[in-house]
Amino acid sequence: MIKKHRKSSVIGALLSLLLFSQCPLGSKETCVVLSKNLTVMAFEFGKFKDGHSPSDHTKGAIEFEPLKKPVANTVGYSYGYRILVKSPEALVRVLNSSSLIPRDPPKGRGQLVKIDQGAIYYDWPIDGFSNGKYLVKVWINDLPLPPLRYEIDFR
């Protein structure tokens, strides 16, 4: 009995070491190992300058500013997320949902998205949103990320 417990403890420790070895020290709260070829280093809500967002980067490179406090809709910006990833893959399949329905979507859904210098970006206008707390759920290659929560306050 003791040998079985010791063996499972060793296997569990080795598995944890393998999974978290891809995450830098001190980043365990934000780092999520989705698979052996895909590690999410950060998942952040923020804003993009007009002309520098994922849907419209006609004025140059994408410019993203993470936000921690409630968002006031500022003219000249769109809002969205940045996911910092480590992966040998150039493309991943991403599915976004703002639904509160707790079930996972069917496998194979989503859009193929290019990993841009270690990041995945997505933006949306917040015009018409009312004050309140919101969340976005994201799946990468059918694997869920923890929900991203943000707040809008138009004061």
C-alpha atoms as a PDB file:
ATOM      1  CA  MET A   1       0.000   0.000   0.000  1.00  0.00           C
ATOM      2  CA  ILE A   2       2.782   2.425   0.909  1.00  0.00           C
ATOM      3  CA  LYS A   3       4.683   1.619  -2.295  1.00  0.00           C
ATOM      4  CA  LYS A   4       1.633   2.411  -4.470  1.00  0.00           C
ATOM      5  CA  HIS A   5       1.102   5.754  -2.698  1.00  0.00           C
ATOM      6  CA  ARG A   6       4.776   6.684  -3.048  1.00  0.00           C
ATOM      7  CA  LYS A   7       4.748   5.709  -6.750  1.00  0.00           C
ATOM      8  CA  SER A   8       1.654   7.841  -7.494  1.00  0.00           C
ATOM      9  CA  SER A   9       3.179  10.777  -5.582  1.00  0.00           C
ATOM     10  CA  VAL A  10       6.361  10.547  -7.651  1.00  0.00           C
ATOM     11  CA  ILE A  11       4.371  10.343 -10.898  1.00  0.00           C
ATOM     12  CA  GLY A  12       2.260  13.351  -9.841  1.00  0.00           C
ATOM     13  CA  ALA A  13       5.370  15.366  -8.962  1.00  0.00           C
ATOM     14  CA  LEU A  14       7.012  14.535 -12.291  1.00  0.00           C
ATOM     15  CA  LEU A  15       3.855  15.459 -14.206  1.00  0.00           C
ATOM     16  CA  SER A  16       3.626  18.816 -12.374  1.00  0.00           C
ATOM     17  CA  LEU A  17       7.293  19.492 -13.079  1.00  0.00           C
ATOM     18  CA  LEU A  18       6.801  18.721 -16.769  1.00  0.00           C
ATOM     19  CA  LEU A  19       3.712  20.940 -17.090  1.00  0.00           C
ATOM     20  CA  PHE A  20       5.052  23.925 -15.172  1.00  0.00           C
ATOM     21  CA  SER A  21       8.597  23.723 -16.560  1.00  0.00           C
ATOM     22  CA  GLN A  22       7.346  25.599 -19.630  1.00  0.00           C
ATOM     23  CA  CYS A  23       6.224  28.508 -17.400  1.00  0.00           C
ATOM     24  CA  PRO A  24       8.738  31.072 -16.173  1.00  0.00           C
ATOM     25  CA  LEU A  25       9.297  31.279 -12.417  1.00  0.00           C
ATOM     26  CA  GLY A  26       6.739  33.492 -10.684  1.00  0.00           C
ATOM     27  CA  SER A  27       4.125  33.237 -13.452  1.00  0.00           C
ATOM     28  CA  LYS A  28       2.076  30.216 -12.351  1.00  0.00           C
ATOM     29  CA  GLU A  29      -1.065  32.364 -11.833  1.00  0.00           C
ATOM     30  CA  THR A  30      -1.158  33.495 -15.467  1.00  0.00           C
ATOM     31  CA  CYS A  31       0.653  30.638 -17.195  1.00  0.00           C
ATOM     32  CA  VAL A  32      -1.535  27.797 -18.482  1.00  0.00           C
ATOM     33  CA  VAL A  33      -0.084  24.746 -20.226  1.00  0.00           C
ATOM     34  CA  LEU A  34      -2.784  23.685 -22.697  1.00  0.00           C
ATOM     35  CA  SER A  35      -0.756  20.982 -24.433  1.00  0.00           C
ATOM     36  CA  LYS A  36       2.849  19.966 -24.975  1.00  0.00           C
ATOM     37  CA  ASN A  37       3.002  22.392 -27.950  1.00  0.00           C
ATOM     38  CA  LEU A  38       0.966  25.283 -26.525  1.00  0.00           C
ATOM     39  CA  THR A  39       1.549  27.329 -23.380  1.00  0.00           C
ATOM     40  CA  VAL A  40      -0.410  30.492 -22.596  1.00  0.00           C
ATOM     41  CA  MET A  41       1.894  32.931 -20.811  1.00  0.00           C
ATOM     42  CA  ALA A  42      -0.723  35.685 -20.303  1.00  0.00           C
ATOM     43  CA  PHE A  43      -4.376  36.430 -21.161  1.00  0.00           C
ATOM     44  CA  GLU A  44      -5.134  40.152 -20.784  1.00  0.00           C
ATOM     45  CA  PHE A  45      -7.973  42.578 -21.480  1.00  0.00           C
ATOM     46  CA  GLY A  46      -6.994  45.988 -22.844  1.00  0.00           C
ATOM     47  CA  LYS A  47      -7.323  48.588 -25.566  1.00  0.00           C
ATOM     48  CA  PHE A  48      -5.959  49.165 -29.059  1.00  0.00           C
ATOM     49  CA  LYS A  49      -5.361  52.540 -30.733  1.00  0.00           C
ATOM     50  CA  ASP A  50      -7.401  53.183 -33.881  1.00  0.00           C
ATOM     51  CA  GLY A  51      -5.423  51.991 -36.872  1.00  0.00           C
ATOM     52  CA  HIS A  52      -3.361  49.669 -34.656  1.00  0.00           C
ATOM     53  CA  SER A  53      -5.976  47.040 -33.711  1.00  0.00           C
ATOM     54  CA  PRO A  54      -6.152  43.446 -34.971  1.00  0.00           C
ATOM     55  CA  SER A  55      -9.130  44.269 -37.185  1.00  0.00           C
ATOM     56  CA  ASP A  56      -7.542  47.482 -38.559  1.00  0.00           C
ATOM     57  CA  HIS A  57      -3.768  47.870 -38.330  1.00  0.00           C
ATOM     58  CA  THR A  58      -3.433  50.125 -41.374  1.00  0.00           C
ATOM     59  CA  LYS A  59      -1.229  52.618 -39.497  1.00  0.00           C
ATOM     60  CA  GLY A  60       1.406  50.067 -38.507  1.00  0.00           C
ATOM     61  CA  ALA A  61       1.943  47.336 -35.962  1.00  0.00           C
ATOM     62  CA  ILE A  62      -0.690  46.288 -33.455  1.00  0.00           C
ATOM     63  CA  GLU A  63      -0.523  48.409 -30.298  1.00  0.00           C
ATOM     64  CA  PHE A  64      -2.061  46.946 -27.153  1.00  0.00           C
ATOM     65  CA  GLU A  65      -2.326  48.498 -23.688  1.00  0.00           C
ATOM     66  CA  PRO A  66      -3.438  46.147 -20.851  1.00  0.00           C
ATOM     67  CA  LEU A  67      -6.143  47.565 -18.547  1.00  0.00           C
ATOM     68  CA  LYS A  68      -6.748  46.495 -14.958  1.00  0.00           C
ATOM     69  CA  LYS A  69      -9.445  49.007 -13.972  1.00  0.00           C
ATOM     70  CA  PRO A  70     -12.980  49.521 -15.336  1.00  0.00           C
ATOM     71  CA  VAL A  71     -13.063  50.685 -18.944  1.00  0.00           C
ATOM     72  CA  ALA A  72     -14.520  54.023 -19.982  1.00  0.00           C
ATOM     73  CA  ASN A  73     -15.141  53.964 -23.753  1.00  0.00           C
ATOM     74  CA  THR A  74     -12.482  56.370 -25.022  1.00  0.00           C
ATOM     75  CA  VAL A  75     -12.685  57.815 -28.535  1.00  0.00           C
ATOM     76  CA  GLY A  76      -9.871  56.498 -30.710  1.00  0.00           C
ATOM     77  CA  TYR A  77      -9.690  53.008 -29.198  1.00  0.00           C
ATOM     78  CA  SER A  78     -11.187  49.553 -29.582  1.00  0.00           C
ATOM     79  CA  TYR A  79     -11.094  46.959 -26.829  1.00  0.00           C
ATOM     80  CA  GLY A  80     -10.186  43.313 -26.703  1.00  0.00           C
ATOM     81  CA  TYR A  81      -7.585  40.857 -25.518  1.00  0.00           C
ATOM     82  CA  ARG A  82      -4.026  39.722 -26.037  1.00  0.00           C
ATOM     83  CA  ILE A  83      -2.949  36.149 -25.400  1.00  0.00           C
ATOM     84  CA  LEU A  84       0.810  35.647 -25.120  1.00  0.00           C
ATOM     85  CA  VAL A  85       1.708  32.117 -26.193  1.00  0.00           C
ATOM     86  CA  LYS A  86       4.680  29.808 -26.612  1.00  0.00           C
ATOM     87  CA  SER A  87       4.110  27.405 -29.476  1.00  0.00           C
ATOM     88  CA  PRO A  88       6.006  26.019 -32.456  1.00  0.00           C
ATOM     89  CA  GLU A  89       2.764  26.309 -34.454  1.00  0.00           C
ATOM     90  CA  ALA A  90       2.164  29.295 -36.772  1.00  0.00           C
ATOM     91  CA  LEU A  91      -1.642  28.920 -36.723  1.00  0.00           C
ATOM     92  CA  VAL A  92      -4.089  27.941 -33.995  1.00  0.00           C
ATOM     93  CA  ARG A  93      -7.872  27.611 -33.977  1.00  0.00           C
ATOM     94  CA  VAL A  94      -9.528  30.171 -31.689  1.00  0.00           C
ATOM     95  CA  LEU A  95     -13.156  30.370 -30.583  1.00  0.00           C
ATOM     96  CA  ASN A  96     -14.529  33.316 -28.543  1.00  0.00           C
ATOM     97  CA  SER A  97     -17.758  33.418 -26.578  1.00  0.00           C
ATOM     98  CA  SER A  98     -19.318  36.023 -24.331  1.00  0.00           C
ATOM     99  CA  SER A  99     -22.121  33.639 -23.393  1.00  0.00           C
ATOM    100  CA  LEU A 100     -22.686  32.666 -19.781  1.00  0.00           C
ATOM    101  CA  ILE A 101     -23.673  29.156 -20.860  1.00  0.00           C
ATOM    102  CA  PRO A 102     -21.273  26.855 -18.973  1.00  0.00           C
ATOM    103  CA  ARG A 103     -20.938  24.107 -21.587  1.00  0.00           C
ATOM    104  CA  ASP A 104     -18.065  23.720 -24.019  1.00  0.00           C
ATOM    105  CA  PRO A 105     -18.675  24.282 -27.745  1.00  0.00           C
ATOM    106  CA  PRO A 106     -18.518  21.407 -30.230  1.00  0.00           C
ATOM    107  CA  LYS A 107     -14.978  20.339 -31.148  1.00  0.00           C
ATOM    108  CA  GLY A 108     -13.421  21.843 -34.273  1.00  0.00           C
ATOM    109  CA  ARG A 109     -15.197  25.218 -34.127  1.00  0.00           C
ATOM    110  CA  GLY A 110     -13.431  28.567 -34.381  1.00  0.00           C
ATOM    111  CA  GLN A 111     -11.227  30.509 -36.768  1.00  0.00           C
ATOM    112  CA  LEU A 112      -7.652  29.797 -37.747  1.00  0.00           C
ATOM    113  CA  VAL A 113      -5.574  32.629 -36.313  1.00  0.00           C
ATOM    114  CA  LYS A 114      -1.933  33.436 -36.967  1.00  0.00           C
ATOM    115  CA  ILE A 115       0.310  33.727 -33.917  1.00  0.00           C
ATOM    116  CA  ASP A 116       1.816  37.205 -34.365  1.00  0.00           C
ATOM    117  CA  GLN A 117       5.234  37.416 -32.672  1.00  0.00           C
ATOM    118  CA  GLY A 118       4.100  35.173 -29.826  1.00  0.00           C
ATOM    119  CA  ALA A 119       0.660  36.762 -29.419  1.00  0.00           C
ATOM    120  CA  ILE A 120      -2.965  36.269 -30.430  1.00  0.00           C
ATOM    121  CA  TYR A 121      -5.124  39.415 -30.578  1.00  0.00           C
ATOM    122  CA  TYR A 122      -8.864  40.008 -30.807  1.00  0.00           C
ATOM    123  CA  ASP A 123     -10.834  43.256 -30.579  1.00  0.00           C
ATOM    124  CA  TRP A 124     -14.440  44.472 -30.543  1.00  0.00           C
ATOM    125  CA  PRO A 125     -16.243  47.818 -30.180  1.00  0.00           C
ATOM    126  CA  ILE A 126     -17.911  48.427 -26.822  1.00  0.00           C
ATOM    127  CA  ASP A 127     -20.379  51.003 -28.167  1.00  0.00           C
ATOM    128  CA  GLY A 128     -23.864  50.070 -26.989  1.00  0.00           C
ATOM    129  CA  PHE A 129     -22.621  48.107 -23.965  1.00  0.00           C
ATOM    130  CA  SER A 130     -24.075  49.233 -20.643  1.00  0.00           C
ATOM    131  CA  ASN A 131     -22.103  49.658 -17.420  1.00  0.00           C
ATOM    132  CA  GLY A 132     -21.364  46.346 -15.806  1.00  0.00           C
ATOM    133  CA  LYS A 133     -19.132  43.319 -15.547  1.00  0.00           C
ATOM    134  CA  TYR A 134     -18.523  41.104 -18.570  1.00  0.00           C
ATOM    135  CA  LEU A 135     -16.569  37.996 -19.413  1.00  0.00           C
ATOM    136  CA  VAL A 136     -15.097  36.414 -22.503  1.00  0.00           C
ATOM    137  CA  LYS A 137     -14.437  32.706 -22.820  1.00  0.00           C
ATOM    138  CA  VAL A 138     -11.805  31.526 -25.284  1.00  0.00           C
ATOM    139  CA  TRP A 139     -10.826  28.092 -26.548  1.00  0.00           C
ATOM    140  CA  ILE A 140      -7.556  27.496 -28.399  1.00  0.00           C
ATOM    141  CA  ASN A 141      -7.477  24.253 -30.404  1.00  0.00           C
ATOM    142  CA  ASP A 142     -10.577  23.128 -28.439  1.00  0.00           C
ATOM    143  CA  LEU A 143      -8.824  23.690 -25.095  1.00  0.00           C
ATOM    144  CA  PRO A 144     -10.448  26.227 -22.714  1.00  0.00           C
ATOM    145  CA  LEU A 145      -8.708  29.186 -21.104  1.00  0.00           C
ATOM    146  CA  PRO A 146      -9.894  30.567 -17.773  1.00  0.00           C
ATOM    147  CA  PRO A 147     -12.593  33.222 -18.398  1.00  0.00           C
ATOM    148  CA  LEU A 148     -11.349  36.775 -18.959  1.00  0.00           C
ATOM    149  CA  ARG A 149     -13.329  39.269 -16.858  1.00  0.00           C
ATOM    150  CA  TYR A 150     -13.586  43.003 -17.447  1.00  0.00           C
ATOM    151  CA  GLU A 151     -15.763  45.903 -16.348  1.00  0.00           C
ATOM    152  CA  ILE A 152     -17.235  48.853 -18.233  1.00  0.00           C
ATOM    153  CA  ASP A 153     -17.973  52.151 -16.480  1.00  0.00           C
ATOM    154  CA  PHE A 154     -18.954  55.061 -18.759  1.00  0.00           C
ATOM    155  CA  ARG A 155     -19.035  57.750 -16.029  1.00  0.00           C
END
